[in-house]
Amino acid sequence: IRTLQWGGGIMTMSELAEYTKMQKQQMTQMVNRL
């Protein structure tokens, strides 16, 4: 959430995964929970 806020409020899943150094599969699970 903080990364999205600092990044201007909107990002693609790939961008968010890259910033947080998460694998895309992990990011998908994280976003599902969010």
Full PDB file with SEQRES, HELIX, SHEET, SSBOND, CRYST1, ORIGX, SCALE, CONECT and MASTER records, all heavy atoms in Angstrom:
SEQRES   1 A   34  ILE ARG THR LEU GLN TRP GLY GLY GLY ILE MET THR MET          
SEQRES   2 A   34  SER GLU LEU ALA GLU TYR THR LYS MET GLN LYS GLN GLN          
SEQRES   3 A   34  MET THR GLN MET VAL ASN ARG LEU                              
HELIX    1 AA1 ARG A    2  TRP A    6  1                                   5    
HELIX    2 AA2 MET A   13  THR A   20  1                                   8    
HELIX    3 AA3 LYS A   24  ARG A   33  1                                  10    
CRYST1    1.000    1.000    1.000  90.00  90.00  90.00 P 1           1          
ORIGX1      1.000000  0.000000  0.000000        0.00000                         
ORIGX2      0.000000  1.000000  0.000000        0.00000                         
ORIGX3      0.000000  0.000000  1.000000        0.00000                         
SCALE1      1.000000  0.000000  0.000000        0.00000                         
SCALE2      0.000000  1.000000  0.000000        0.00000                         
SCALE3      0.000000  0.000000  1.000000        0.00000                         
ATOM      1  N   ILE A   1       0.841  -1.201   0.000  1.00  0.00           N  
ATOM      2  CA  ILE A   1       0.000   0.000   0.000  1.00  0.00           C  
ATOM      3  C   ILE A   1       0.878   1.253   0.000  1.00  0.00           C  
ATOM      4  O   ILE A   1       0.640   2.196  -0.754  1.00  0.00           O  
ATOM      5  CB  ILE A   1      -0.966   0.008   1.197  1.00  0.00           C  
ATOM      6  CG1 ILE A   1      -1.952  -1.157   1.084  1.00  0.00           C  
ATOM      7  CG2 ILE A   1      -1.714   1.346   1.278  1.00  0.00           C  
ATOM      8  CD1 ILE A   1      -2.751  -1.410   2.356  1.00  0.00           C  
ATOM      9  N   ARG A   2       1.908   1.265   0.856  1.00  0.00           N  
ATOM     10  CA  ARG A   2       2.806   2.432   0.904  1.00  0.00           C  
ATOM     11  C   ARG A   2       3.506   2.630  -0.438  1.00  0.00           C  
ATOM     12  O   ARG A   2       3.653   3.755  -0.914  1.00  0.00           O  
ATOM     13  CB  ARG A   2       3.859   2.279   2.009  1.00  0.00           C  
ATOM     14  CG  ARG A   2       3.311   2.419   3.404  1.00  0.00           C  
ATOM     15  CD  ARG A   2       2.709   3.772   3.667  1.00  0.00           C  
ATOM     16  NE  ARG A   2       3.752   4.753   3.890  1.00  0.00           N  
ATOM     17  CZ  ARG A   2       3.550   6.058   3.984  1.00  0.00           C  
ATOM     18  NH1 ARG A   2       2.342   6.539   3.883  1.00  0.00           N  
ATOM     19  NH2 ARG A   2       4.539   6.874   4.186  1.00  0.00           N  
ATOM     20  N   THR A   3       3.939   1.535  -1.052  1.00  0.00           N  
ATOM     21  CA  THR A   3       4.615   1.622  -2.348  1.00  0.00           C  
ATOM     22  C   THR A   3       3.681   2.218  -3.388  1.00  0.00           C  
ATOM     23  O   THR A   3       4.093   3.075  -4.184  1.00  0.00           O  
ATOM     24  CB  THR A   3       5.111   0.235  -2.790  1.00  0.00           C  
ATOM     25  OG1 THR A   3       6.017  -0.268  -1.802  1.00  0.00           O  
ATOM     26  CG2 THR A   3       5.828   0.301  -4.128  1.00  0.00           C  
ATOM     27  N   LEU A   4       2.435   1.790  -3.395  1.00  0.00           N  
ATOM     28  CA  LEU A   4       1.459   2.367  -4.323  1.00  0.00           C  
ATOM     29  C   LEU A   4       1.288   3.861  -4.066  1.00  0.00           C  
ATOM     30  O   LEU A   4       1.251   4.658  -5.012  1.00  0.00           O  
ATOM     31  CB  LEU A   4       0.111   1.657  -4.189  1.00  0.00           C  
ATOM     32  CG  LEU A   4       0.021   0.270  -4.806  1.00  0.00           C  
ATOM     33  CD1 LEU A   4      -1.237  -0.445  -4.330  1.00  0.00           C  
ATOM     34  CD2 LEU A   4       0.054   0.357  -6.326  1.00  0.00           C  
ATOM     35  N   GLN A   5       1.216   4.254  -2.811  1.00  0.00           N  
ATOM     36  CA  GLN A   5       1.058   5.674  -2.487  1.00  0.00           C  
ATOM     37  C   GLN A   5       2.269   6.474  -2.962  1.00  0.00           C  
ATOM     38  O   GLN A   5       2.116   7.543  -3.547  1.00  0.00           O  
ATOM     39  CB  GLN A   5       0.853   5.859  -0.986  1.00  0.00           C  
ATOM     40  CG  GLN A   5      -0.496   5.382  -0.509  1.00  0.00           C  
ATOM     41  CD  GLN A   5      -0.668   5.498   0.999  1.00  0.00           C  
ATOM     42  OE1 GLN A   5       0.294   5.402   1.757  1.00  0.00           O  
ATOM     43  NE2 GLN A   5      -1.898   5.698   1.435  1.00  0.00           N  
ATOM     44  N   TRP A   6       3.461   5.960  -2.689  1.00  0.00           N  
ATOM     45  CA  TRP A   6       4.677   6.677  -3.091  1.00  0.00           C  
ATOM     46  C   TRP A   6       4.855   6.687  -4.600  1.00  0.00           C  
ATOM     47  O   TRP A   6       5.457   7.600  -5.142  1.00  0.00           O  
ATOM     48  CB  TRP A   6       5.913   6.060  -2.443  1.00  0.00           C  
ATOM     49  CG  TRP A   6       6.005   6.274  -0.972  1.00  0.00           C  
ATOM     50  CD1 TRP A   6       5.575   7.354  -0.259  1.00  0.00           C  
ATOM     51  CD2 TRP A   6       6.569   5.377  -0.017  1.00  0.00           C  
ATOM     52  NE1 TRP A   6       5.834   7.187   1.078  1.00  0.00           N  
ATOM     53  CE2 TRP A   6       6.452   5.982   1.254  1.00  0.00           C  
ATOM     54  CE3 TRP A   6       7.164   4.129  -0.113  1.00  0.00           C  
ATOM     55  CZ2 TRP A   6       6.911   5.380   2.413  1.00  0.00           C  
ATOM     56  CZ3 TRP A   6       7.612   3.522   1.052  1.00  0.00           C  
ATOM     57  CH2 TRP A   6       7.491   4.146   2.294  1.00  0.00           C  
ATOM     58  N   GLY A   7       4.327   5.678  -5.268  1.00  0.00           N  
ATOM     59  CA  GLY A   7       4.491   5.561  -6.713  1.00  0.00           C  
ATOM     60  C   GLY A   7       3.446   6.314  -7.513  1.00  0.00           C  
ATOM     61  O   GLY A   7       3.328   6.108  -8.709  1.00  0.00           O  
ATOM     62  N   GLY A   8       2.675   7.150  -6.871  1.00  0.00           N  
ATOM     63  CA  GLY A   8       1.711   7.956  -7.586  1.00  0.00           C  
ATOM     64  C   GLY A   8       0.285   7.442  -7.496  1.00  0.00           C  
ATOM     65  O   GLY A   8      -0.619   8.005  -8.107  1.00  0.00           O  
ATOM     66  N   GLY A   9       0.075   6.345  -6.773  1.00  0.00           N  
ATOM     67  CA  GLY A   9      -1.280   5.877  -6.527  1.00  0.00           C  
ATOM     68  C   GLY A   9      -1.784   4.791  -7.437  1.00  0.00           C  
ATOM     69  O   GLY A   9      -2.823   4.206  -7.161  1.00  0.00           O  
ATOM     70  N   ILE A  10      -1.086   4.495  -8.519  1.00  0.00           N  
ATOM     71  CA  ILE A  10      -1.535   3.434  -9.410  1.00  0.00           C  
ATOM     72  C   ILE A  10      -0.315   2.821 -10.109  1.00  0.00           C  
ATOM     73  O   ILE A  10       0.587   3.544 -10.521  1.00  0.00           O  
ATOM     74  CB  ILE A  10      -2.578   3.949 -10.421  1.00  0.00           C  
ATOM     75  CG1 ILE A  10      -3.230   2.794 -11.161  1.00  0.00           C  
ATOM     76  CG2 ILE A  10      -1.991   4.968 -11.353  1.00  0.00           C  
ATOM     77  CD1 ILE A  10      -4.497   3.189 -11.911  1.00  0.00           C  
ATOM     78  N   MET A  11      -0.296   1.503 -10.155  1.00  0.00           N  
ATOM     79  CA  MET A  11       0.802   0.772 -10.805  1.00  0.00           C  
ATOM     80  C   MET A  11       0.252  -0.502 -11.414  1.00  0.00           C  
ATOM     81  O   MET A  11      -0.781  -1.003 -10.972  1.00  0.00           O  
ATOM     82  CB  MET A  11       1.864   0.352  -9.785  1.00  0.00           C  
ATOM     83  CG  MET A  11       2.661   1.417  -9.175  1.00  0.00           C  
ATOM     84  SD  MET A  11       3.851   0.653  -8.041  1.00  0.00           S  
ATOM     85  CE  MET A  11       4.894   2.030  -7.748  1.00  0.00           C  
ATOM     86  N   THR A  12       0.985  -1.022 -12.376  1.00  0.00           N  
ATOM     87  CA  THR A  12       0.637  -2.344 -12.881  1.00  0.00           C  
ATOM     88  C   THR A  12       1.110  -3.377 -11.863  1.00  0.00           C  
ATOM     89  O   THR A  12       1.952  -3.084 -11.009  1.00  0.00           O  
ATOM     90  CB  THR A  12       1.303  -2.642 -14.231  1.00  0.00           C  
ATOM     91  OG1 THR A  12       2.720  -2.710 -14.049  1.00  0.00           O  
ATOM     92  CG2 THR A  12       0.943  -1.594 -15.284  1.00  0.00           C  
ATOM     93  N   MET A  13       0.578  -4.575 -11.974  1.00  0.00           N  
ATOM     94  CA  MET A  13       1.006  -5.662 -11.091  1.00  0.00           C  
ATOM     95  C   MET A  13       2.504  -5.893 -11.248  1.00  0.00           C  
ATOM     96  O   MET A  13       3.202  -6.115 -10.267  1.00  0.00           O  
ATOM     97  CB  MET A  13       0.245  -6.948 -11.429  1.00  0.00           C  
ATOM     98  CG  MET A  13      -1.226  -6.885 -11.156  1.00  0.00           C  
ATOM     99  SD  MET A  13      -1.656  -7.409  -9.515  1.00  0.00           S  
ATOM    100  CE  MET A  13      -1.473  -9.159  -9.645  1.00  0.00           C  
ATOM    101  N   SER A  14       2.986  -5.837 -12.492  1.00  0.00           N  
ATOM    102  CA  SER A  14       4.414  -6.066 -12.748  1.00  0.00           C  
ATOM    103  C   SER A  14       5.278  -5.000 -12.097  1.00  0.00           C  
ATOM    104  O   SER A  14       6.325  -5.300 -11.521  1.00  0.00           O  
ATOM    105  CB  SER A  14       4.699  -6.104 -14.254  1.00  0.00           C  
ATOM    106  OG  SER A  14       4.021  -7.180 -14.845  1.00  0.00           O  
ATOM    107  N   GLU A  15       4.859  -3.738 -12.195  1.00  0.00           N  
ATOM    108  CA  GLU A  15       5.616  -2.650 -11.570  1.00  0.00           C  
ATOM    109  C   GLU A  15       5.667  -2.832 -10.060  1.00  0.00           C  
ATOM    110  O   GLU A  15       6.733  -2.704  -9.450  1.00  0.00           O  
ATOM    111  CB  GLU A  15       4.987  -1.296 -11.908  1.00  0.00           C  
ATOM    112  CG  GLU A  15       5.133  -0.887 -13.345  1.00  0.00           C  
ATOM    113  CD  GLU A  15       4.254   0.296 -13.719  1.00  0.00           C  
ATOM    114  OE1 GLU A  15       3.297   0.619 -12.985  1.00  0.00           O  
ATOM    115  OE2 GLU A  15       4.537   0.903 -14.768  1.00  0.00           O  
ATOM    116  N   LEU A  16       4.530  -3.143  -9.464  1.00  0.00           N  
ATOM    117  CA  LEU A  16       4.480  -3.324  -8.017  1.00  0.00           C  
ATOM    118  C   LEU A  16       5.351  -4.506  -7.592  1.00  0.00           C  
ATOM    119  O   LEU A  16       6.082  -4.420  -6.606  1.00  0.00           O  
ATOM    120  CB  LEU A  16       3.036  -3.512  -7.550  1.00  0.00           C  
ATOM    121  CG  LEU A  16       2.792  -3.546  -6.055  1.00  0.00           C  
ATOM    122  CD1 LEU A  16       3.317  -2.288  -5.366  1.00  0.00           C  
ATOM    123  CD2 LEU A  16       1.303  -3.721  -5.772  1.00  0.00           C  
ATOM    124  N   ALA A  17       5.317  -5.583  -8.350  1.00  0.00           N  
ATOM    125  CA  ALA A  17       6.150  -6.751  -8.053  1.00  0.00           C  
ATOM    126  C   ALA A  17       7.628  -6.394  -8.153  1.00  0.00           C  
ATOM    127  O   ALA A  17       8.433  -6.798  -7.308  1.00  0.00           O  
ATOM    128  CB  ALA A  17       5.815  -7.898  -9.001  1.00  0.00           C  
ATOM    129  N   GLU A  18       7.966  -5.603  -9.156  1.00  0.00           N  
ATOM    130  CA  GLU A  18       9.365  -5.211  -9.336  1.00  0.00           C  
ATOM    131  C   GLU A  18       9.842  -4.323  -8.188  1.00  0.00           C  
ATOM    132  O   GLU A  18      10.920  -4.525  -7.636  1.00  0.00           O  
ATOM    133  CB  GLU A  18       9.524  -4.490 -10.676  1.00  0.00           C  
ATOM    134  CG  GLU A  18      10.972  -4.308 -11.082  1.00  0.00           C  
ATOM    135  CD  GLU A  18      11.113  -3.755 -12.490  1.00  0.00           C  
ATOM    136  OE1 GLU A  18      10.112  -3.643 -13.225  1.00  0.00           O  
ATOM    137  OE2 GLU A  18      12.256  -3.415 -12.855  1.00  0.00           O  
ATOM    138  N   TYR A  19       9.037  -3.329  -7.809  1.00  0.00           N  
ATOM    139  CA  TYR A  19       9.411  -2.441  -6.714  1.00  0.00           C  
ATOM    140  C   TYR A  19       9.573  -3.179  -5.398  1.00  0.00           C  
ATOM    141  O   TYR A  19      10.455  -2.882  -4.613  1.00  0.00           O  
ATOM    142  CB  TYR A  19       8.377  -1.331  -6.527  1.00  0.00           C  
ATOM    143  CG  TYR A  19       8.567  -0.152  -7.438  1.00  0.00           C  
ATOM    144  CD1 TYR A  19       7.597   0.173  -8.363  1.00  0.00           C  
ATOM    145  CD2 TYR A  19       9.700   0.641  -7.358  1.00  0.00           C  
ATOM    146  CE1 TYR A  19       7.758   1.263  -9.202  1.00  0.00           C  
ATOM    147  CE2 TYR A  19       9.865   1.729  -8.199  1.00  0.00           C  
ATOM    148  CZ  TYR A  19       8.894   2.030  -9.113  1.00  0.00           C  
ATOM    149  OH  TYR A  19       9.055   3.099  -9.932  1.00  0.00           O  
ATOM    150  N   THR A  20       8.679  -4.115  -5.138  1.00  0.00           N  
ATOM    151  CA  THR A  20       8.704  -4.814  -3.860  1.00  0.00           C  
ATOM    152  C   THR A  20       9.599  -6.046  -3.887  1.00  0.00           C  
ATOM    153  O   THR A  20       9.725  -6.734  -2.880  1.00  0.00           O  
ATOM    154  CB  THR A  20       7.277  -5.229  -3.444  1.00  0.00           C  
ATOM    155  OG1 THR A  20       6.721  -6.058  -4.458  1.00  0.00           O  
ATOM    156  CG2 THR A  20       6.404  -4.016  -3.194  1.00  0.00           C  
ATOM    157  N   LYS A  21      10.184  -6.296  -5.048  1.00  0.00           N  
ATOM    158  CA  LYS A  21      11.089  -7.444  -5.240  1.00  0.00           C  
ATOM    159  C   LYS A  21      10.381  -8.762  -4.914  1.00  0.00           C  
ATOM    160  O   LYS A  21      10.930  -9.651  -4.290  1.00  0.00           O  
ATOM    161  CB  LYS A  21      12.357  -7.280  -4.420  1.00  0.00           C  
ATOM    162  CG  LYS A  21      13.076  -5.975  -4.710  1.00  0.00           C  
ATOM    163  CD  LYS A  21      14.554  -6.127  -4.638  1.00  0.00           C  
ATOM    164  CE  LYS A  21      15.314  -4.854  -4.836  1.00  0.00           C  
ATOM    165  NZ  LYS A  21      15.012  -4.027  -5.911  1.00  0.00           N  
ATOM    166  N   MET A  22       9.125  -8.851  -5.359  1.00  0.00           N  
ATOM    167  CA  MET A  22       8.341 -10.075  -5.197  1.00  0.00           C  
ATOM    168  C   MET A  22       8.171 -10.737  -6.554  1.00  0.00           C  
ATOM    169  O   MET A  22       8.117 -10.047  -7.578  1.00  0.00           O  
ATOM    170  CB  MET A  22       6.932  -9.765  -4.671  1.00  0.00           C  
ATOM    171  CG  MET A  22       6.834  -9.418  -3.242  1.00  0.00           C  
ATOM    172  SD  MET A  22       5.077  -9.194  -2.870  1.00  0.00           S  
ATOM    173  CE  MET A  22       5.076  -9.615  -1.170  1.00  0.00           C  
ATOM    174  N   GLN A  23       8.045 -12.029  -6.542  1.00  0.00           N  
ATOM    175  CA  GLN A  23       7.720 -12.738  -7.773  1.00  0.00           C  
ATOM    176  C   GLN A  23       6.283 -12.386  -8.141  1.00  0.00           C  
ATOM    177  O   GLN A  23       5.451 -12.123  -7.273  1.00  0.00           O  
ATOM    178  CB  GLN A  23       7.853 -14.236  -7.576  1.00  0.00           C  
ATOM    179  CG  GLN A  23       9.271 -14.680  -7.308  1.00  0.00           C  
ATOM    180  CD  GLN A  23       9.343 -16.181  -7.061  1.00  0.00           C  
ATOM    181  OE1 GLN A  23       8.342 -16.877  -6.972  1.00  0.00           O  
ATOM    182  NE2 GLN A  23      10.549 -16.681  -6.952  1.00  0.00           N  
ATOM    183  N   LYS A  24       5.991 -12.405  -9.442  1.00  0.00           N  
ATOM    184  CA  LYS A  24       4.653 -12.017  -9.901  1.00  0.00           C  
ATOM    185  C   LYS A  24       3.570 -12.914  -9.298  1.00  0.00           C  
ATOM    186  O   LYS A  24       2.485 -12.439  -8.972  1.00  0.00           O  
ATOM    187  CB  LYS A  24       4.590 -12.038 -11.419  1.00  0.00           C  
ATOM    188  CG  LYS A  24       5.366 -10.904 -12.045  1.00  0.00           C  
ATOM    189  CD  LYS A  24       5.262 -10.911 -13.542  1.00  0.00           C  
ATOM    190  CE  LYS A  24       6.166  -9.845 -14.128  1.00  0.00           C  
ATOM    191  NZ  LYS A  24       6.138  -9.845 -15.587  1.00  0.00           N  
ATOM    192  N   GLN A  25       3.874 -14.206  -9.122  1.00  0.00           N  
ATOM    193  CA  GLN A  25       2.889 -15.119  -8.532  1.00  0.00           C  
ATOM    194  C   GLN A  25       2.591 -14.713  -7.087  1.00  0.00           C  
ATOM    195  O   GLN A  25       1.441 -14.729  -6.657  1.00  0.00           O  
ATOM    196  CB  GLN A  25       3.394 -16.576  -8.563  1.00  0.00           C  
ATOM    197  CG  GLN A  25       3.639 -17.115  -9.945  1.00  0.00           C  
ATOM    198  CD  GLN A  25       5.025 -16.763 -10.495  1.00  0.00           C  
ATOM    199  OE1 GLN A  25       5.772 -15.972  -9.931  1.00  0.00           O  
ATOM    200  NE2 GLN A  25       5.360 -17.334 -11.634  1.00  0.00           N  
ATOM    201  N   GLN A  26       3.632 -14.352  -6.346  1.00  0.00           N  
ATOM    202  CA  GLN A  26       3.455 -13.885  -4.964  1.00  0.00           C  
ATOM    203  C   GLN A  26       2.648 -12.597  -4.943  1.00  0.00           C  
ATOM    204  O   GLN A  26       1.795 -12.401  -4.085  1.00  0.00           O  
ATOM    205  CB  GLN A  26       4.810 -13.613  -4.313  1.00  0.00           C  
ATOM    206  CG  GLN A  26       5.454 -14.760  -3.633  1.00  0.00           C  
ATOM    207  CD  GLN A  26       6.724 -14.266  -2.933  1.00  0.00           C  
ATOM    208  OE1 GLN A  26       7.657 -13.795  -3.570  1.00  0.00           O  
ATOM    209  NE2 GLN A  26       6.733 -14.377  -1.623  1.00  0.00           N  
ATOM    210  N   MET A  27       2.952 -11.706  -5.887  1.00  0.00           N  
ATOM    211  CA  MET A  27       2.253 -10.424  -5.940  1.00  0.00           C  
ATOM    212  C   MET A  27       0.778 -10.642  -6.239  1.00  0.00           C  
ATOM    213  O   MET A  27      -0.080  -9.973  -5.655  1.00  0.00           O  
ATOM    214  CB  MET A  27       2.886  -9.501  -6.994  1.00  0.00           C  
ATOM    215  CG  MET A  27       2.236  -8.131  -7.066  1.00  0.00           C  
ATOM    216  SD  MET A  27       2.117  -7.248  -5.473  1.00  0.00           S  
ATOM    217  CE  MET A  27       3.836  -7.065  -5.043  1.00  0.00           C  
ATOM    218  N   THR A  28       0.469 -11.593  -7.098  1.00  0.00           N  
ATOM    219  CA  THR A  28      -0.935 -11.888  -7.396  1.00  0.00           C  
ATOM    220  C   THR A  28      -1.662 -12.323  -6.125  1.00  0.00           C  
ATOM    221  O   THR A  28      -2.770 -11.849  -5.843  1.00  0.00           O  
ATOM    222  CB  THR A  28      -1.041 -12.979  -8.482  1.00  0.00           C  
ATOM    223  OG1 THR A  28      -0.413 -12.501  -9.678  1.00  0.00           O  
ATOM    224  CG2 THR A  28      -2.488 -13.339  -8.768  1.00  0.00           C  
ATOM    225  N   GLN A  29      -1.041 -13.176  -5.340  1.00  0.00           N  
ATOM    226  CA  GLN A  29      -1.646 -13.618  -4.081  1.00  0.00           C  
ATOM    227  C   GLN A  29      -1.802 -12.447  -3.110  1.00  0.00           C  
ATOM    228  O   GLN A  29      -2.826 -12.316  -2.436  1.00  0.00           O  
ATOM    229  CB  GLN A  29      -0.803 -14.725  -3.450  1.00  0.00           C  
ATOM    230  CG  GLN A  29      -0.818 -16.004  -4.237  1.00  0.00           C  
ATOM    231  CD  GLN A  29       0.171 -17.041  -3.704  1.00  0.00           C  
ATOM    232  OE1 GLN A  29       0.944 -16.772  -2.786  1.00  0.00           O  
ATOM    233  NE2 GLN A  29       0.143 -18.229  -4.280  1.00  0.00           N  
ATOM    234  N   MET A  30      -0.780 -11.602  -3.050  1.00  0.00           N  
ATOM    235  CA  MET A  30      -0.819 -10.438  -2.159  1.00  0.00           C  
ATOM    236  C   MET A  30      -1.952  -9.496  -2.562  1.00  0.00           C  
ATOM    237  O   MET A  30      -2.726  -9.035  -1.724  1.00  0.00           O  
ATOM    238  CB  MET A  30       0.516  -9.702  -2.220  1.00  0.00           C  
ATOM    239  CG  MET A  30       0.558  -8.420  -1.428  1.00  0.00           C  
ATOM    240  SD  MET A  30       0.751  -8.689   0.303  1.00  0.00           S  
ATOM    241  CE  MET A  30       2.285  -9.581   0.308  1.00  0.00           C  
ATOM    242  N   VAL A  31      -2.051  -9.225  -3.853  1.00  0.00           N  
ATOM    243  CA  VAL A  31      -3.098  -8.325  -4.340  1.00  0.00           C  
ATOM    244  C   VAL A  31      -4.474  -8.939  -4.098  1.00  0.00           C  
ATOM    245  O   VAL A  31      -5.414  -8.234  -3.721  1.00  0.00           O  
ATOM    246  CB  VAL A  31      -2.867  -7.958  -5.823  1.00  0.00           C  
ATOM    247  CG1 VAL A  31      -4.090  -7.267  -6.420  1.00  0.00           C  
ATOM    248  CG2 VAL A  31      -1.633  -7.064  -5.957  1.00  0.00           C  
ATOM    249  N   ASN A  32      -4.600 -10.243  -4.266  1.00  0.00           N  
ATOM    250  CA  ASN A  32      -5.877 -10.907  -3.976  1.00  0.00           C  
ATOM    251  C   ASN A  32      -6.287 -10.657  -2.526  1.00  0.00           C  
ATOM    252  O   ASN A  32      -7.450 -10.352  -2.248  1.00  0.00           O  
ATOM    253  CB  ASN A  32      -5.798 -12.406  -4.236  1.00  0.00           C  
ATOM    254  CG  ASN A  32      -5.785 -12.748  -5.714  1.00  0.00           C  
ATOM    255  OD1 ASN A  32      -6.163 -11.927  -6.562  1.00  0.00           O  
ATOM    256  ND2 ASN A  32      -5.350 -13.945  -6.036  1.00  0.00           N  
ATOM    257  N   ARG A  33      -5.339 -10.774  -1.599  1.00  0.00           N  
ATOM    258  CA  ARG A  33      -5.647 -10.521  -0.187  1.00  0.00           C  
ATOM    259  C   ARG A  33      -6.002  -9.057   0.047  1.00  0.00           C  
ATOM    260  O   ARG A  33      -6.910  -8.740   0.825  1.00  0.00           O  
ATOM    261  CB  ARG A  33      -4.470 -10.956   0.698  1.00  0.00           C  
ATOM    262  CG  ARG A  33      -4.291 -12.464   0.712  1.00  0.00           C  
ATOM    263  CD  ARG A  33      -3.392 -12.977   1.816  1.00  0.00           C  
ATOM    264  NE  ARG A  33      -2.266 -12.159   2.166  1.00  0.00           N  
ATOM    265  CZ  ARG A  33      -0.984 -12.486   1.970  1.00  0.00           C  
ATOM    266  NH1 ARG A  33      -0.660 -13.632   1.427  1.00  0.00           N  
ATOM    267  NH2 ARG A  33      -0.031 -11.677   2.344  1.00  0.00           N  
ATOM    268  N   LEU A  34      -5.285  -8.165  -0.614  1.00  0.00           N  
ATOM    269  CA  LEU A  34      -5.580  -6.732  -0.477  1.00  0.00           C  
ATOM    270  C   LEU A  34      -6.963  -6.400  -1.045  1.00  0.00           C  
ATOM    271  O   LEU A  34      -7.685  -5.574  -0.478  1.00  0.00           O  
ATOM    272  CB  LEU A  34      -4.498  -5.897  -1.167  1.00  0.00           C  
ATOM    273  CG  LEU A  34      -3.151  -5.840  -0.450  1.00  0.00           C  
ATOM    274  CD1 LEU A  34      -2.060  -5.319  -1.380  1.00  0.00           C  
ATOM    275  CD2 LEU A  34      -3.237  -4.988   0.800  1.00  0.00           C  
TER     276      LEU A  34                                                      
MASTER        0    0    0    3    0    0    0    6  275    1    0    3          
END                                                                             
